[in-house]
Structures are given as C-alpha cells and as structure tokens.
N, C-alpha and C. Protein backbone atom coordinates (compact mmCIF):
# COMPACT_ATOMS: atom_id res chain seq x y z
N LYS A 1 83.89 102.72 113.09
CA LYS A 1 82.55 102.45 113.56
C LYS A 1 81.81 101.49 112.66
N SER A 2 82.19 101.41 111.40
CA SER A 2 81.49 100.53 110.47
C SER A 2 82.05 99.11 110.47
N LEU A 3 83.24 98.90 111.01
CA LEU A 3 83.85 97.57 111.00
C LEU A 3 82.99 96.52 111.70
N PRO A 4 82.42 96.78 112.87
CA PRO A 4 81.60 95.75 113.50
C PRO A 4 80.44 95.28 112.62
N ASP A 5 79.81 96.20 111.90
CA ASP A 5 78.72 95.82 110.99
C ASP A 5 79.23 94.94 109.87
N MET A 6 80.39 95.30 109.31
CA MET A 6 80.97 94.50 108.23
C MET A 6 81.36 93.11 108.73
N ILE A 7 81.93 93.05 109.92
CA ILE A 7 82.33 91.77 110.50
C ILE A 7 81.10 90.88 110.67
N GLU A 8 80.03 91.45 111.17
CA GLU A 8 78.80 90.69 111.40
C GLU A 8 78.20 90.16 110.10
N LEU A 9 78.28 90.93 109.03
CA LEU A 9 77.69 90.53 107.76
C LEU A 9 78.56 89.55 106.97
N ALA A 10 79.86 89.59 107.16
CA ALA A 10 80.78 88.75 106.38
C ALA A 10 80.56 87.27 106.69
N THR A 11 80.56 86.47 105.63
CA THR A 11 80.43 85.02 105.81
C THR A 11 81.73 84.28 105.52
N ASN A 12 82.62 84.87 104.76
CA ASN A 12 83.91 84.25 104.47
C ASN A 12 84.80 84.35 105.71
N ARG A 13 85.36 83.22 106.14
CA ARG A 13 86.17 83.20 107.36
C ARG A 13 87.39 84.10 107.28
N ASP A 14 88.07 84.08 106.14
CA ASP A 14 89.27 84.91 105.98
C ASP A 14 88.90 86.40 106.04
N LEU A 15 87.78 86.74 105.44
CA LEU A 15 87.33 88.13 105.46
C LEU A 15 86.97 88.56 106.88
N SER A 16 86.21 87.74 107.58
CA SER A 16 85.83 88.06 108.97
C SER A 16 87.07 88.22 109.84
N ALA A 17 88.01 87.30 109.71
CA ALA A 17 89.23 87.35 110.52
C ALA A 17 90.03 88.61 110.19
N GLY A 18 90.14 88.93 108.91
CA GLY A 18 90.89 90.11 108.51
C GLY A 18 90.26 91.40 109.02
N LEU A 19 88.94 91.47 108.96
CA LEU A 19 88.25 92.65 109.46
C LEU A 19 88.39 92.78 110.97
N ARG A 20 88.32 91.64 111.68
CA ARG A 20 88.51 91.68 113.14
C ARG A 20 89.92 92.15 113.50
N ALA A 21 90.89 91.63 112.78
CA ALA A 21 92.28 92.03 113.04
C ALA A 21 92.46 93.52 112.77
N HIS A 22 91.83 94.01 111.71
CA HIS A 22 91.98 95.44 111.39
C HIS A 22 91.24 96.31 112.41
N LYS A 23 90.17 95.80 112.97
CA LYS A 23 89.47 96.54 114.02
C LYS A 23 90.41 96.74 115.22
N ASP A 24 91.13 95.68 115.60
CA ASP A 24 92.10 95.80 116.69
C ASP A 24 93.22 96.77 116.32
N GLU A 25 93.67 96.68 115.09
CA GLU A 25 94.73 97.58 114.60
C GLU A 25 94.25 99.03 114.65
N THR A 26 93.00 99.24 114.32
CA THR A 26 92.43 100.59 114.31
C THR A 26 92.48 101.21 115.70
N GLU A 27 92.26 100.40 116.73
CA GLU A 27 92.34 100.90 118.11
C GLU A 27 93.76 101.41 118.40
N LYS A 28 94.75 100.69 117.92
CA LYS A 28 96.14 101.12 118.10
C LYS A 28 96.42 102.40 117.30
N GLN A 29 95.83 102.49 116.11
CA GLN A 29 96.00 103.70 115.29
C GLN A 29 95.42 104.92 115.99
N ILE A 30 94.29 104.73 116.64
CA ILE A 30 93.68 105.84 117.39
C ILE A 30 94.64 106.30 118.49
N GLY A 31 95.28 105.34 119.16
CA GLY A 31 96.26 105.68 120.18
C GLY A 31 97.42 106.49 119.60
N ARG A 32 97.87 106.12 118.42
CA ARG A 32 98.96 106.87 117.78
C ARG A 32 98.49 108.27 117.40
N LEU A 33 97.27 108.38 116.94
CA LEU A 33 96.74 109.71 116.60
C LEU A 33 96.63 110.58 117.84
N GLU A 34 96.28 109.99 118.96
CA GLU A 34 96.26 110.74 120.22
C GLU A 34 97.66 111.23 120.56
N GLU A 35 98.68 110.39 120.30
CA GLU A 35 100.07 110.81 120.52
C GLU A 35 100.44 111.98 119.61
N VAL A 36 99.96 111.94 118.37
CA VAL A 36 100.22 113.03 117.43
C VAL A 36 99.65 114.34 117.98
N PHE A 37 98.40 114.29 118.42
CA PHE A 37 97.79 115.51 118.96
C PHE A 37 98.57 116.02 120.18
N LYS A 38 98.99 115.09 121.03
CA LYS A 38 99.76 115.48 122.21
C LYS A 38 101.07 116.13 121.80
N ALA A 39 101.75 115.54 120.83
CA ALA A 39 103.02 116.11 120.36
C ALA A 39 102.83 117.50 119.77
N LEU A 40 101.66 117.76 119.22
CA LEU A 40 101.38 119.06 118.63
C LEU A 40 100.75 120.03 119.63
N GLY A 41 100.55 119.55 120.85
CA GLY A 41 99.96 120.41 121.87
C GLY A 41 98.48 120.71 121.63
N GLU A 42 97.81 119.79 120.99
CA GLU A 42 96.39 119.96 120.66
C GLU A 42 95.57 118.85 121.32
N LYS A 43 94.29 119.11 121.45
CA LYS A 43 93.37 118.09 121.95
C LYS A 43 92.56 117.56 120.78
N PRO A 44 92.47 116.23 120.66
CA PRO A 44 91.67 115.69 119.55
C PRO A 44 90.19 115.99 119.76
N LYS A 45 89.51 116.21 118.65
CA LYS A 45 88.06 116.41 118.71
C LYS A 45 87.46 115.85 117.42
N GLY A 46 86.26 115.39 117.53
CA GLY A 46 85.58 114.84 116.37
C GLY A 46 85.11 115.94 115.44
N VAL A 47 85.20 115.68 114.17
CA VAL A 47 84.70 116.61 113.17
C VAL A 47 83.90 115.80 112.14
N THR A 48 83.03 116.48 111.44
CA THR A 48 82.27 115.85 110.38
C THR A 48 83.11 115.84 109.12
N CYS A 49 83.14 114.68 108.46
CA CYS A 49 83.87 114.55 107.20
C CYS A 49 82.90 114.03 106.15
N PRO A 50 82.38 114.92 105.32
CA PRO A 50 81.41 114.49 104.31
C PRO A 50 81.92 113.39 103.38
N ALA A 51 83.21 113.39 103.10
CA ALA A 51 83.77 112.39 102.18
C ALA A 51 83.67 110.99 102.78
N ILE A 52 84.18 110.80 103.98
CA ILE A 52 84.14 109.46 104.59
C ILE A 52 82.71 109.09 104.96
N ASP A 53 81.92 110.07 105.37
CA ASP A 53 80.51 109.79 105.67
C ASP A 53 79.80 109.27 104.43
N GLY A 54 80.13 109.84 103.27
CA GLY A 54 79.54 109.37 102.01
C GLY A 54 79.98 107.96 101.66
N ILE A 55 81.25 107.67 101.87
CA ILE A 55 81.76 106.32 101.60
C ILE A 55 81.07 105.31 102.51
N LEU A 56 80.92 105.66 103.78
CA LEU A 56 80.28 104.75 104.73
C LEU A 56 78.79 104.58 104.43
N LYS A 57 78.14 105.66 104.02
CA LYS A 57 76.73 105.57 103.65
C LYS A 57 76.56 104.66 102.44
N GLU A 58 77.44 104.83 101.47
CA GLU A 58 77.40 103.98 100.29
C GLU A 58 77.61 102.51 100.66
N ALA A 59 78.54 102.26 101.56
CA ALA A 59 78.81 100.88 102.00
C ALA A 59 77.58 100.27 102.67
N LYS A 60 76.93 101.04 103.52
CA LYS A 60 75.74 100.55 104.22
C LYS A 60 74.62 100.26 103.22
N GLU A 61 74.44 101.15 102.26
CA GLU A 61 73.41 100.93 101.24
C GLU A 61 73.73 99.71 100.41
N LEU A 62 74.99 99.57 100.00
CA LEU A 62 75.41 98.44 99.18
C LEU A 62 75.17 97.12 99.91
N THR A 63 75.63 97.04 101.14
CA THR A 63 75.49 95.78 101.87
C THR A 63 74.04 95.47 102.21
N GLY A 64 73.21 96.50 102.29
CA GLY A 64 71.79 96.29 102.56
C GLY A 64 71.01 95.81 101.36
N GLU A 65 71.58 95.95 100.17
CA GLU A 65 70.89 95.58 98.93
C GLU A 65 71.24 94.18 98.43
N ILE A 66 72.22 93.53 99.02
CA ILE A 66 72.72 92.26 98.48
C ILE A 66 72.22 91.10 99.33
N ALA A 67 71.46 90.19 98.70
CA ALA A 67 70.93 89.04 99.42
C ALA A 67 71.88 87.84 99.36
N ASP A 68 72.56 87.65 98.24
CA ASP A 68 73.46 86.51 98.06
C ASP A 68 74.70 86.71 98.93
N LYS A 69 74.96 85.79 99.84
CA LYS A 69 76.05 85.93 100.81
C LYS A 69 77.42 86.01 100.15
N GLN A 70 77.62 85.26 99.08
CA GLN A 70 78.92 85.30 98.41
C GLN A 70 79.13 86.64 97.71
N VAL A 71 78.10 87.18 97.14
CA VAL A 71 78.19 88.50 96.51
C VAL A 71 78.36 89.56 97.60
N LEU A 72 77.68 89.35 98.73
CA LEU A 72 77.80 90.29 99.84
C LEU A 72 79.24 90.38 100.32
N ASP A 73 79.94 89.25 100.44
CA ASP A 73 81.34 89.27 100.86
C ASP A 73 82.19 90.11 99.90
N ALA A 74 81.95 89.97 98.60
CA ALA A 74 82.68 90.77 97.61
C ALA A 74 82.33 92.25 97.77
N GLY A 75 81.09 92.55 98.07
CA GLY A 75 80.67 93.94 98.29
C GLY A 75 81.30 94.53 99.54
N ILE A 76 81.41 93.72 100.58
CA ILE A 76 82.05 94.17 101.82
C ILE A 76 83.51 94.51 101.56
N ILE A 77 84.18 93.66 100.78
CA ILE A 77 85.58 93.93 100.45
C ILE A 77 85.69 95.24 99.67
N ALA A 78 84.82 95.44 98.70
CA ALA A 78 84.86 96.68 97.91
C ALA A 78 84.64 97.90 98.80
N ALA A 79 83.68 97.80 99.69
CA ALA A 79 83.38 98.93 100.59
C ALA A 79 84.54 99.18 101.55
N ALA A 80 85.10 98.11 102.10
CA ALA A 80 86.22 98.26 103.03
C ALA A 80 87.43 98.86 102.33
N GLN A 81 87.66 98.46 101.08
CA GLN A 81 88.80 99.02 100.35
C GLN A 81 88.58 100.49 100.01
N ALA A 82 87.35 100.89 99.79
CA ALA A 82 87.08 102.32 99.54
C ALA A 82 87.49 103.13 100.77
N VAL A 83 87.17 102.61 101.96
CA VAL A 83 87.55 103.29 103.20
C VAL A 83 89.07 103.30 103.33
N GLU A 84 89.71 102.16 103.10
CA GLU A 84 91.17 102.07 103.22
C GLU A 84 91.84 103.07 102.28
N HIS A 85 91.37 103.14 101.05
CA HIS A 85 92.00 104.04 100.08
C HIS A 85 91.86 105.50 100.51
N TYR A 86 90.72 105.85 101.06
CA TYR A 86 90.54 107.21 101.56
C TYR A 86 91.52 107.49 102.69
N GLU A 87 91.62 106.54 103.63
CA GLU A 87 92.55 106.73 104.75
C GLU A 87 94.00 106.82 104.27
N ILE A 88 94.35 106.02 103.29
CA ILE A 88 95.71 106.05 102.74
C ILE A 88 96.01 107.45 102.17
N THR A 89 95.07 108.04 101.45
CA THR A 89 95.32 109.36 100.89
C THR A 89 95.50 110.40 101.99
N ARG A 90 94.69 110.31 103.02
CA ARG A 90 94.78 111.29 104.11
C ARG A 90 96.08 111.15 104.88
N TYR A 91 96.46 109.91 105.20
CA TYR A 91 97.74 109.72 105.90
C TYR A 91 98.90 110.21 105.05
N GLY A 92 98.86 109.94 103.75
CA GLY A 92 99.94 110.41 102.87
C GLY A 92 100.10 111.92 102.91
N THR A 93 98.98 112.62 102.87
CA THR A 93 99.01 114.08 102.93
C THR A 93 99.54 114.56 104.27
N LEU A 94 99.03 113.99 105.35
CA LEU A 94 99.47 114.41 106.69
C LEU A 94 100.96 114.16 106.91
N ILE A 95 101.45 113.04 106.38
CA ILE A 95 102.89 112.74 106.50
C ILE A 95 103.71 113.78 105.74
N ALA A 96 103.27 114.12 104.55
CA ALA A 96 103.99 115.13 103.76
C ALA A 96 104.03 116.46 104.51
N TRP A 97 102.91 116.84 105.10
CA TRP A 97 102.87 118.09 105.87
C TRP A 97 103.77 118.02 107.09
N ALA A 98 103.73 116.89 107.81
CA ALA A 98 104.58 116.73 108.99
C ALA A 98 106.06 116.83 108.61
N ASN A 99 106.42 116.19 107.52
CA ASN A 99 107.81 116.26 107.04
C ASN A 99 108.19 117.68 106.68
N GLU A 100 107.30 118.39 106.00
CA GLU A 100 107.57 119.76 105.60
C GLU A 100 107.79 120.66 106.82
N LEU A 101 107.07 120.36 107.89
CA LEU A 101 107.18 121.15 109.11
C LEU A 101 108.29 120.66 110.05
N GLY A 102 109.02 119.64 109.61
CA GLY A 102 110.11 119.11 110.43
C GLY A 102 109.63 118.33 111.65
N ARG A 103 108.43 117.82 111.61
CA ARG A 103 107.86 117.06 112.72
C ARG A 103 108.07 115.57 112.48
N ASP A 104 109.33 115.15 112.58
CA ASP A 104 109.68 113.76 112.30
C ASP A 104 108.95 112.78 113.22
N ASN A 105 108.76 113.16 114.48
CA ASN A 105 108.06 112.28 115.42
C ASN A 105 106.62 112.04 114.97
N VAL A 106 105.96 113.07 114.50
CA VAL A 106 104.59 112.96 114.01
C VAL A 106 104.56 112.13 112.73
N ALA A 107 105.49 112.40 111.83
CA ALA A 107 105.55 111.66 110.57
C ALA A 107 105.75 110.17 110.82
N ARG A 108 106.57 109.81 111.81
CA ARG A 108 106.79 108.40 112.11
C ARG A 108 105.51 107.71 112.59
N LEU A 109 104.79 108.37 113.48
CA LEU A 109 103.54 107.79 113.99
C LEU A 109 102.52 107.62 112.85
N LEU A 110 102.41 108.65 112.02
CA LEU A 110 101.46 108.58 110.92
C LEU A 110 101.88 107.55 109.87
N THR A 111 103.19 107.39 109.67
CA THR A 111 103.69 106.40 108.72
C THR A 111 103.35 104.99 109.18
N THR A 112 103.42 104.75 110.47
CA THR A 112 103.04 103.44 110.99
C THR A 112 101.58 103.15 110.66
N ASN A 113 100.72 104.15 110.89
CA ASN A 113 99.30 103.98 110.55
C ASN A 113 99.12 103.76 109.05
N LEU A 114 99.83 104.55 108.25
CA LEU A 114 99.73 104.42 106.80
C LEU A 114 100.12 103.01 106.35
N ASN A 115 101.21 102.50 106.89
CA ASN A 115 101.67 101.16 106.50
C ASN A 115 100.64 100.09 106.88
N GLU A 116 99.99 100.28 108.02
CA GLU A 116 98.94 99.32 108.42
C GLU A 116 97.74 99.40 107.48
N GLU A 117 97.39 100.59 107.05
CA GLU A 117 96.27 100.74 106.12
C GLU A 117 96.60 100.10 104.77
N LYS A 118 97.82 100.30 104.30
CA LYS A 118 98.23 99.68 103.04
C LYS A 118 98.22 98.16 103.16
N ALA A 119 98.67 97.64 104.30
CA ALA A 119 98.67 96.19 104.52
C ALA A 119 97.24 95.65 104.57
N ALA A 120 96.34 96.39 105.21
CA ALA A 120 94.94 95.97 105.28
C ALA A 120 94.34 95.92 103.88
N ASP A 121 94.64 96.91 103.06
CA ASP A 121 94.15 96.93 101.68
C ASP A 121 94.67 95.73 100.90
N LYS A 122 95.93 95.43 101.09
CA LYS A 122 96.54 94.29 100.39
C LYS A 122 95.90 92.97 100.84
N LYS A 123 95.64 92.85 102.14
CA LYS A 123 94.99 91.64 102.66
C LYS A 123 93.59 91.49 102.08
N LEU A 124 92.87 92.59 101.95
CA LEU A 124 91.53 92.53 101.36
C LEU A 124 91.61 92.08 99.90
N SER A 125 92.60 92.55 99.17
CA SER A 125 92.79 92.11 97.78
C SER A 125 93.10 90.63 97.73
N THR A 126 93.90 90.15 98.66
CA THR A 126 94.23 88.73 98.71
C THR A 126 92.98 87.89 98.97
N VAL A 127 92.16 88.32 99.91
CA VAL A 127 90.93 87.59 100.20
C VAL A 127 90.02 87.60 98.97
N ALA A 128 89.94 88.73 98.30
CA ALA A 128 89.08 88.85 97.12
C ALA A 128 89.57 87.96 95.98
N ASP A 129 90.87 87.97 95.74
CA ASP A 129 91.42 87.27 94.58
C ASP A 129 91.93 85.87 94.90
N ALA A 130 92.95 85.78 95.72
CA ALA A 130 93.58 84.49 95.98
C ALA A 130 92.69 83.55 96.80
N ARG A 131 91.86 84.10 97.66
CA ARG A 131 90.98 83.27 98.49
C ARG A 131 89.64 83.01 97.82
N GLY A 132 89.44 83.57 96.63
CA GLY A 132 88.31 83.21 95.81
C GLY A 132 86.98 83.91 96.05
N VAL A 133 86.96 84.95 96.86
CA VAL A 133 85.69 85.63 97.12
C VAL A 133 85.10 86.20 95.83
N ASN A 134 85.91 86.85 95.01
CA ASN A 134 85.40 87.41 93.76
C ASN A 134 84.93 86.31 92.81
N ARG A 135 85.66 85.22 92.74
CA ARG A 135 85.29 84.11 91.85
C ARG A 135 83.95 83.51 92.28
N LYS A 136 83.78 83.32 93.59
CA LYS A 136 82.51 82.75 94.10
C LYS A 136 81.36 83.72 93.86
N ALA A 137 81.62 85.02 94.02
CA ALA A 137 80.57 86.01 93.80
C ALA A 137 80.15 86.04 92.33
N ALA A 138 81.11 85.84 91.43
CA ALA A 138 80.81 85.87 89.99
C ALA A 138 79.98 84.67 89.55
N SER A 139 80.12 83.57 90.29
CA SER A 139 79.36 82.38 89.90
C SER A 139 78.01 82.44 90.52
C-alpha cells in the first residue's frame, strides 16, 4: 500500500522504475500467498501487524520531513529497504516452518516470494550506491 506513495515522491528514474516493477511483483506475490492459503485449506484475512505498521509510519514521517529531492530519494530507499528486510525475515521463518511440516509446495511458493524480495533489496542497494543516489544526497 505504501509503494504508490513512494513511487510518486521518487525523483530518480532508476528508483521510480524499480519501485514500479516491485509493485507489479508484489501483485504476483499476493497471488502466490493466496495459493498458499488454498493449499493449507485456509482463507486469507487481513490482520494488524504493529511491526510493519511502525515501519510504514516511520517511512511516511521520514519522507514528509525531507525537502531536498536528492535526500528524499535516499530516504525512500532506506524506508523501502526496511520494509524489504522485514518481509525477508518473515518469509524465511515461514519457509522454515513449511519445510518442517513437510509442505514442500508451500515452501516453494514462499521461496519464490523470498527471492523476489531479496532481489528488490539488492536493486535498491544498486540504485543507492552504483547509481549515485547516496552520493548526490550527501552533496
């Protein structure tokens, strides 16, 4: 839900493109999660997660406080990576549990999502470092 706001605020083309691509990827991840619930004979339902809500609140506050566009892009990357890292930890745990329960089909679906999250994190690091967002923000 926070990706559209980040996309709108981003001024770096590589960052905007990467966030848009990850938004599309996220839609596919939701589909895989729906498959997981189906495989487990459960219906998905929304729940409150204070941890991710806190990360998203922090991201919104951070991006609302930065006037310099180049610094804002670096802040967006930091906020997006905080979300990615949280998702990576959760997928890792869920995969371990699925493996322990012998649910290879579930583990495979979750592993695909995990690999996409790791790739998104790596792309954000590339934009920050190799594409110069951090360097421009520091100047």
